Amino acid sequence: MKELLEKINAELEKFITDADLQVEKGNKAAGTRARKSTLELSKLFKNFRKISVEEAKK
């Protein structure tokens, strides 16, 4: 679970950096990377929810 949280934090940092670059400087490549990060975050959040529910049942 701790490893998953570390992955989520790292991906979230990447997203924030790229999203800021897109908004502030109009960097199109950063926008593409930010959108890719959102897909990865979505997968990680679903996995977190699955693990969290399993842990709650114990």
PDB file of N, CA and C in Angstrom:
ATOM      1  N   MET A   1       0.834  -1.184   0.000  1.00  0.00           N
ATOM      2  CA  MET A   1       0.000   0.000   0.000  1.00  0.00           C
ATOM      3  C   MET A   1       0.884   1.256   0.000  1.00  0.00           C
ATOM      4  N   LYS A   2       1.956   1.204   0.785  1.00  0.00           N
ATOM      5  CA  LYS A   2       2.848   2.357   0.860  1.00  0.00           C
ATOM      6  C   LYS A   2       3.512   2.621  -0.494  1.00  0.00           C
ATOM      7  N   GLU A   3       3.891   1.557  -1.178  1.00  0.00           N
ATOM      8  CA  GLU A   3       4.511   1.687  -2.504  1.00  0.00           C
ATOM      9  C   GLU A   3       3.528   2.309  -3.494  1.00  0.00           C
ATOM     10  N   LEU A   4       2.281   1.917  -3.406  1.00  0.00           N
ATOM     11  CA  LEU A   4       1.249   2.480  -4.273  1.00  0.00           C
ATOM     12  C   LEU A   4       1.072   3.970  -4.012  1.00  0.00           C
ATOM     13  N   LEU A   5       1.084   4.370  -2.759  1.00  0.00           N
ATOM     14  CA  LEU A   5       0.973   5.793  -2.426  1.00  0.00           C
ATOM     15  C   LEU A   5       2.156   6.592  -2.963  1.00  0.00           C
ATOM     16  N   GLU A   6       3.333   6.002  -2.930  1.00  0.00           N
ATOM     17  CA  GLU A   6       4.511   6.669  -3.478  1.00  0.00           C
ATOM     18  C   GLU A   6       4.373   6.862  -4.990  1.00  0.00           C
ATOM     19  N   LYS A   7       3.842   5.848  -5.673  1.00  0.00           N
ATOM     20  CA  LYS A   7       3.618   5.957  -7.116  1.00  0.00           C
ATOM     21  C   LYS A   7       2.592   7.046  -7.427  1.00  0.00           C
ATOM     22  N   ILE A   8       1.529   7.096  -6.634  1.00  0.00           N
ATOM     23  CA  ILE A   8       0.492   8.116  -6.824  1.00  0.00           C
ATOM     24  C   ILE A   8       1.083   9.507  -6.632  1.00  0.00           C
ATOM     25  N   ASN A   9       1.849   9.693  -5.579  1.00  0.00           N
ATOM     26  CA  ASN A   9       2.469  11.002  -5.316  1.00  0.00           C
ATOM     27  C   ASN A   9       3.410  11.416  -6.442  1.00  0.00           C
ATOM     28  N   ALA A  10       4.209  10.482  -6.933  1.00  0.00           N
ATOM     29  CA  ALA A  10       5.154  10.794  -8.008  1.00  0.00           C
ATOM     30  C   ALA A  10       4.406  11.184  -9.280  1.00  0.00           C
ATOM     31  N   GLU A  11       3.369  10.433  -9.616  1.00  0.00           N
ATOM     32  CA  GLU A  11       2.597  10.728 -10.828  1.00  0.00           C
ATOM     33  C   GLU A  11       1.846  12.042 -10.686  1.00  0.00           C
ATOM     34  N   LEU A  12       1.368  12.321  -9.492  1.00  0.00           N
ATOM     35  CA  LEU A  12       0.661  13.576  -9.244  1.00  0.00           C
ATOM     36  C   LEU A  12       1.600  14.772  -9.404  1.00  0.00           C
ATOM     37  N   GLU A  13       2.831  14.627  -8.938  1.00  0.00           N
ATOM     38  CA  GLU A  13       3.813  15.697  -9.104  1.00  0.00           C
ATOM     39  C   GLU A  13       4.102  15.949 -10.580  1.00  0.00           C
ATOM     40  N   LYS A  14       4.234  14.851 -11.363  1.00  0.00           N
ATOM     41  CA  LYS A  14       4.452  14.994 -12.801  1.00  0.00           C
ATOM     42  C   LYS A  14       3.281  15.724 -13.449  1.00  0.00           C
ATOM     43  N   PHE A  15       2.066  15.327 -13.060  1.00  0.00           N
ATOM     44  CA  PHE A  15       0.877  15.963 -13.626  1.00  0.00           C
ATOM     45  C   PHE A  15       0.849  17.457 -13.327  1.00  0.00           C
ATOM     46  N   ILE A  16       1.095  17.821 -12.082  1.00  0.00           N
ATOM     47  CA  ILE A  16       1.046  19.232 -11.688  1.00  0.00           C
ATOM     48  C   ILE A  16       2.080  20.042 -12.459  1.00  0.00           C
ATOM     49  N   THR A  17       3.282  19.509 -12.580  1.00  0.00           N
ATOM     50  CA  THR A  17       4.344  20.201 -13.316  1.00  0.00           C
ATOM     51  C   THR A  17       3.938  20.421 -14.775  1.00  0.00           C
ATOM     52  N   ASP A  18       3.483  19.348 -15.424  1.00  0.00           N
ATOM     53  CA  ASP A  18       3.118  19.452 -16.836  1.00  0.00           C
ATOM     54  C   ASP A  18       1.884  20.320 -17.054  1.00  0.00           C
ATOM     55  N   ALA A  19       0.909  20.215 -16.174  1.00  0.00           N
ATOM     56  CA  ALA A  19      -0.297  21.039 -16.307  1.00  0.00           C
ATOM     57  C   ALA A  19       0.046  22.519 -16.144  1.00  0.00           C
ATOM     58  N   ASP A  20       0.916  22.838 -15.213  1.00  0.00           N
ATOM     59  CA  ASP A  20       1.346  24.234 -15.029  1.00  0.00           C
ATOM     60  C   ASP A  20       2.062  24.761 -16.271  1.00  0.00           C
ATOM     61  N   LEU A  21       2.930  23.932 -16.848  1.00  0.00           N
ATOM     62  CA  LEU A  21       3.638  24.347 -18.058  1.00  0.00           C
ATOM     63  C   LEU A  21       2.662  24.624 -19.201  1.00  0.00           C
ATOM     64  N   GLN A  22       1.647  23.788 -19.302  1.00  0.00           N
ATOM     65  CA  GLN A  22       0.666  23.980 -20.360  1.00  0.00           C
ATOM     66  C   GLN A  22      -0.117  25.276 -20.153  1.00  0.00           C
ATOM     67  N   VAL A  23      -0.575  25.501 -18.932  1.00  0.00           N
ATOM     68  CA  VAL A  23      -1.399  26.671 -18.640  1.00  0.00           C
ATOM     69  C   VAL A  23      -0.589  27.965 -18.720  1.00  0.00           C
ATOM     70  N   GLU A  24       0.584  27.956 -18.108  1.00  0.00           N
ATOM     71  CA  GLU A  24       1.369  29.180 -18.014  1.00  0.00           C
ATOM     72  C   GLU A  24       2.112  29.533 -19.299  1.00  0.00           C
ATOM     73  N   LYS A  25       2.639  28.526 -19.977  1.00  0.00           N
ATOM     74  CA  LYS A  25       3.484  28.804 -21.136  1.00  0.00           C
ATOM     75  C   LYS A  25       2.890  28.319 -22.452  1.00  0.00           C
ATOM     76  N   GLY A  26       1.725  27.671 -22.394  1.00  0.00           N
ATOM     77  CA  GLY A  26       1.104  27.163 -23.610  1.00  0.00           C
ATOM     78  C   GLY A  26       1.877  26.015 -24.244  1.00  0.00           C
ATOM     79  N   ASN A  27       2.603  25.273 -23.448  1.00  0.00           N
ATOM     80  CA  ASN A  27       3.418  24.153 -23.920  1.00  0.00           C
ATOM     81  C   ASN A  27       2.510  22.970 -24.266  1.00  0.00           C
ATOM     82  N   LYS A  28       2.351  22.705 -25.570  1.00  0.00           N
ATOM     83  CA  LYS A  28       1.444  21.641 -26.017  1.00  0.00           C
ATOM     84  C   LYS A  28       1.935  20.254 -25.620  1.00  0.00           C
ATOM     85  N   ALA A  29       3.233  20.034 -25.679  1.00  0.00           N
ATOM     86  CA  ALA A  29       3.794  18.730 -25.300  1.00  0.00           C
ATOM     87  C   ALA A  29       3.541  18.451 -23.817  1.00  0.00           C
ATOM     88  N   ALA A  30       3.629  19.479 -22.997  1.00  0.00           N
ATOM     89  CA  ALA A  30       3.355  19.308 -21.564  1.00  0.00           C
ATOM     90  C   ALA A  30       1.889  18.946 -21.357  1.00  0.00           C
ATOM     91  N   GLY A  31       1.006  19.505 -22.176  1.00  0.00           N
ATOM     92  CA  GLY A  31      -0.409  19.159 -22.089  1.00  0.00           C
ATOM     93  C   GLY A  31      -0.646  17.696 -22.402  1.00  0.00           C
ATOM     94  N   THR A  32       0.067  17.198 -23.394  1.00  0.00           N
ATOM     95  CA  THR A  32      -0.040  15.781 -23.748  1.00  0.00           C
ATOM     96  C   THR A  32       0.444  14.906 -22.590  1.00  0.00           C
ATOM     97  N   ARG A  33       1.570  15.300 -22.001  1.00  0.00           N
ATOM     98  CA  ARG A  33       2.094  14.534 -20.859  1.00  0.00           C
ATOM     99  C   ARG A  33       1.135  14.593 -19.676  1.00  0.00           C
ATOM    100  N   ALA A  34       0.509  15.743 -19.451  1.00  0.00           N
ATOM    101  CA  ALA A  34      -0.436  15.886 -18.335  1.00  0.00           C
ATOM    102  C   ALA A  34      -1.637  14.974 -18.551  1.00  0.00           C
ATOM    103  N   ARG A  35      -2.142  14.927 -19.780  1.00  0.00           N
ATOM    104  CA  ARG A  35      -3.287  14.046 -20.062  1.00  0.00           C
ATOM    105  C   ARG A  35      -2.909  12.581 -19.872  1.00  0.00           C
ATOM    106  N   LYS A  36      -1.691  12.221 -20.267  1.00  0.00           N
ATOM    107  CA  LYS A  36      -1.210  10.849 -20.068  1.00  0.00           C
ATOM    108  C   LYS A  36      -1.129  10.532 -18.573  1.00  0.00           C
ATOM    109  N   SER A  37      -0.678  11.504 -17.803  1.00  0.00           N
ATOM    110  CA  SER A  37      -0.590  11.319 -16.352  1.00  0.00           C
ATOM    111  C   SER A  37      -1.965  11.092 -15.734  1.00  0.00           C
ATOM    112  N   THR A  38      -2.988  11.777 -16.260  1.00  0.00           N
ATOM    113  CA  THR A  38      -4.330  11.590 -15.706  1.00  0.00           C
ATOM    114  C   THR A  38      -4.816  10.161 -15.927  1.00  0.00           C
ATOM    115  N   LEU A  39      -4.466   9.579 -17.066  1.00  0.00           N
ATOM    116  CA  LEU A  39      -4.850   8.187 -17.316  1.00  0.00           C
ATOM    117  C   LEU A  39      -4.150   7.249 -16.340  1.00  0.00           C
ATOM    118  N   GLU A  40      -2.881   7.494 -16.113  1.00  0.00           N
ATOM    119  CA  GLU A  40      -2.116   6.665 -15.174  1.00  0.00           C
ATOM    120  C   GLU A  40      -2.645   6.850 -13.748  1.00  0.00           C
ATOM    121  N   LEU A  41      -2.953   8.086 -13.378  1.00  0.00           N
ATOM    122  CA  LEU A  41      -3.506   8.348 -12.043  1.00  0.00           C
ATOM    123  C   LEU A  41      -4.841   7.631 -11.862  1.00  0.00           C
ATOM    124  N   SER A  42      -5.641   7.628 -12.902  1.00  0.00           N
ATOM    125  CA  SER A  42      -6.929   6.948 -12.831  1.00  0.00           C
ATOM    126  C   SER A  42      -6.736   5.465 -12.502  1.00  0.00           C
ATOM    127  N   LYS A  43      -5.785   4.828 -13.170  1.00  0.00           N
ATOM    128  CA  LYS A  43      -5.492   3.417 -12.905  1.00  0.00           C
ATOM    129  C   LYS A  43      -5.011   3.222 -11.468  1.00  0.00           C
ATOM    130  N   LEU A  44      -4.111   4.111 -11.039  1.00  0.00           N
ATOM    131  CA  LEU A  44      -3.567   4.001  -9.688  1.00  0.00           C
ATOM    132  C   LEU A  44      -4.651   4.207  -8.630  1.00  0.00           C
ATOM    133  N   PHE A  45      -5.553   5.171  -8.860  1.00  0.00           N
ATOM    134  CA  PHE A  45      -6.635   5.421  -7.908  1.00  0.00           C
ATOM    135  C   PHE A  45      -7.584   4.232  -7.820  1.00  0.00           C
ATOM    136  N   LYS A  46      -7.877   3.600  -8.951  1.00  0.00           N
ATOM    137  CA  LYS A  46      -8.743   2.410  -8.942  1.00  0.00           C
ATOM    138  C   LYS A  46      -8.085   1.286  -8.159  1.00  0.00           C
ATOM    139  N   ASN A  47      -6.788   1.118  -8.360  1.00  0.00           N
ATOM    140  CA  ASN A  47      -6.047   0.094  -7.631  1.00  0.00           C
ATOM    141  C   ASN A  47      -6.025   0.405  -6.136  1.00  0.00           C
ATOM    142  N   PHE A  48      -5.840   1.681  -5.790  1.00  0.00           N
ATOM    143  CA  PHE A  48      -5.854   2.097  -4.388  1.00  0.00           C
ATOM    144  C   PHE A  48      -7.209   1.766  -3.751  1.00  0.00           C
ATOM    145  N   ARG A  49      -8.282   2.087  -4.470  1.00  0.00           N
ATOM    146  CA  ARG A  49      -9.622   1.826  -3.941  1.00  0.00           C
ATOM    147  C   ARG A  49      -9.813   0.336  -3.699  1.00  0.00           C
ATOM    148  N   LYS A  50      -9.378  -0.481  -4.638  1.00  0.00           N
ATOM    149  CA  LYS A  50      -9.504  -1.933  -4.514  1.00  0.00           C
ATOM    150  C   LYS A  50      -8.765  -2.435  -3.275  1.00  0.00           C
ATOM    151  N   ILE A  51      -7.535  -1.997  -3.117  1.00  0.00           N
ATOM    152  CA  ILE A  51      -6.730  -2.434  -1.967  1.00  0.00           C
ATOM    153  C   ILE A  51      -7.321  -1.912  -0.661  1.00  0.00           C
ATOM    154  N   SER A  52      -7.787  -0.679  -0.675  1.00  0.00           N
ATOM    155  CA  SER A  52      -8.358  -0.070   0.518  1.00  0.00           C
ATOM    156  C   SER A  52      -9.604  -0.820   0.981  1.00  0.00           C
ATOM    157  N   VAL A  53     -10.447  -1.194   0.039  1.00  0.00           N
ATOM    158  CA  VAL A  53     -11.662  -1.935   0.393  1.00  0.00           C
ATOM    159  C   VAL A  53     -11.289  -3.302   0.962  1.00  0.00           C
ATOM    160  N   GLU A  54     -10.301  -3.957   0.359  1.00  0.00           N
ATOM    161  CA  GLU A  54      -9.854  -5.258   0.869  1.00  0.00           C
ATOM    162  C   GLU A  54      -9.328  -5.147   2.289  1.00  0.00           C
ATOM    163  N   GLU A  55      -8.548  -4.104   2.565  1.00  0.00           N
ATOM    164  CA  GLU A  55      -7.993  -3.890   3.895  1.00  0.00           C
ATOM    165  C   GLU A  55      -9.101  -3.592   4.905  1.00  0.00           C
ATOM    166  N   ALA A  56     -10.123  -2.878   4.497  1.00  0.00           N
ATOM    167  CA  ALA A  56     -11.217  -2.528   5.395  1.00  0.00           C
ATOM    168  C   ALA A  56     -12.022  -3.759   5.799  1.00  0.00           C
ATOM    169  N   LYS A  57     -12.057  -4.743   4.949  1.00  0.00           N
ATOM    170  CA  LYS A  57     -12.819  -5.964   5.218  1.00  0.00           C
ATOM    171  C   LYS A  57     -12.137  -6.867   6.230  1.00  0.00           C
ATOM    172  N   LYS A  58     -10.839  -6.666   6.441  1.00  0.00           N
ATOM    173  CA  LYS A  58     -10.099  -7.524   7.368  1.00  0.00           C
ATOM    174  C   LYS A  58     -10.432  -7.226   8.799  1.00  0.00           C
TER     175      LYS A  58
END
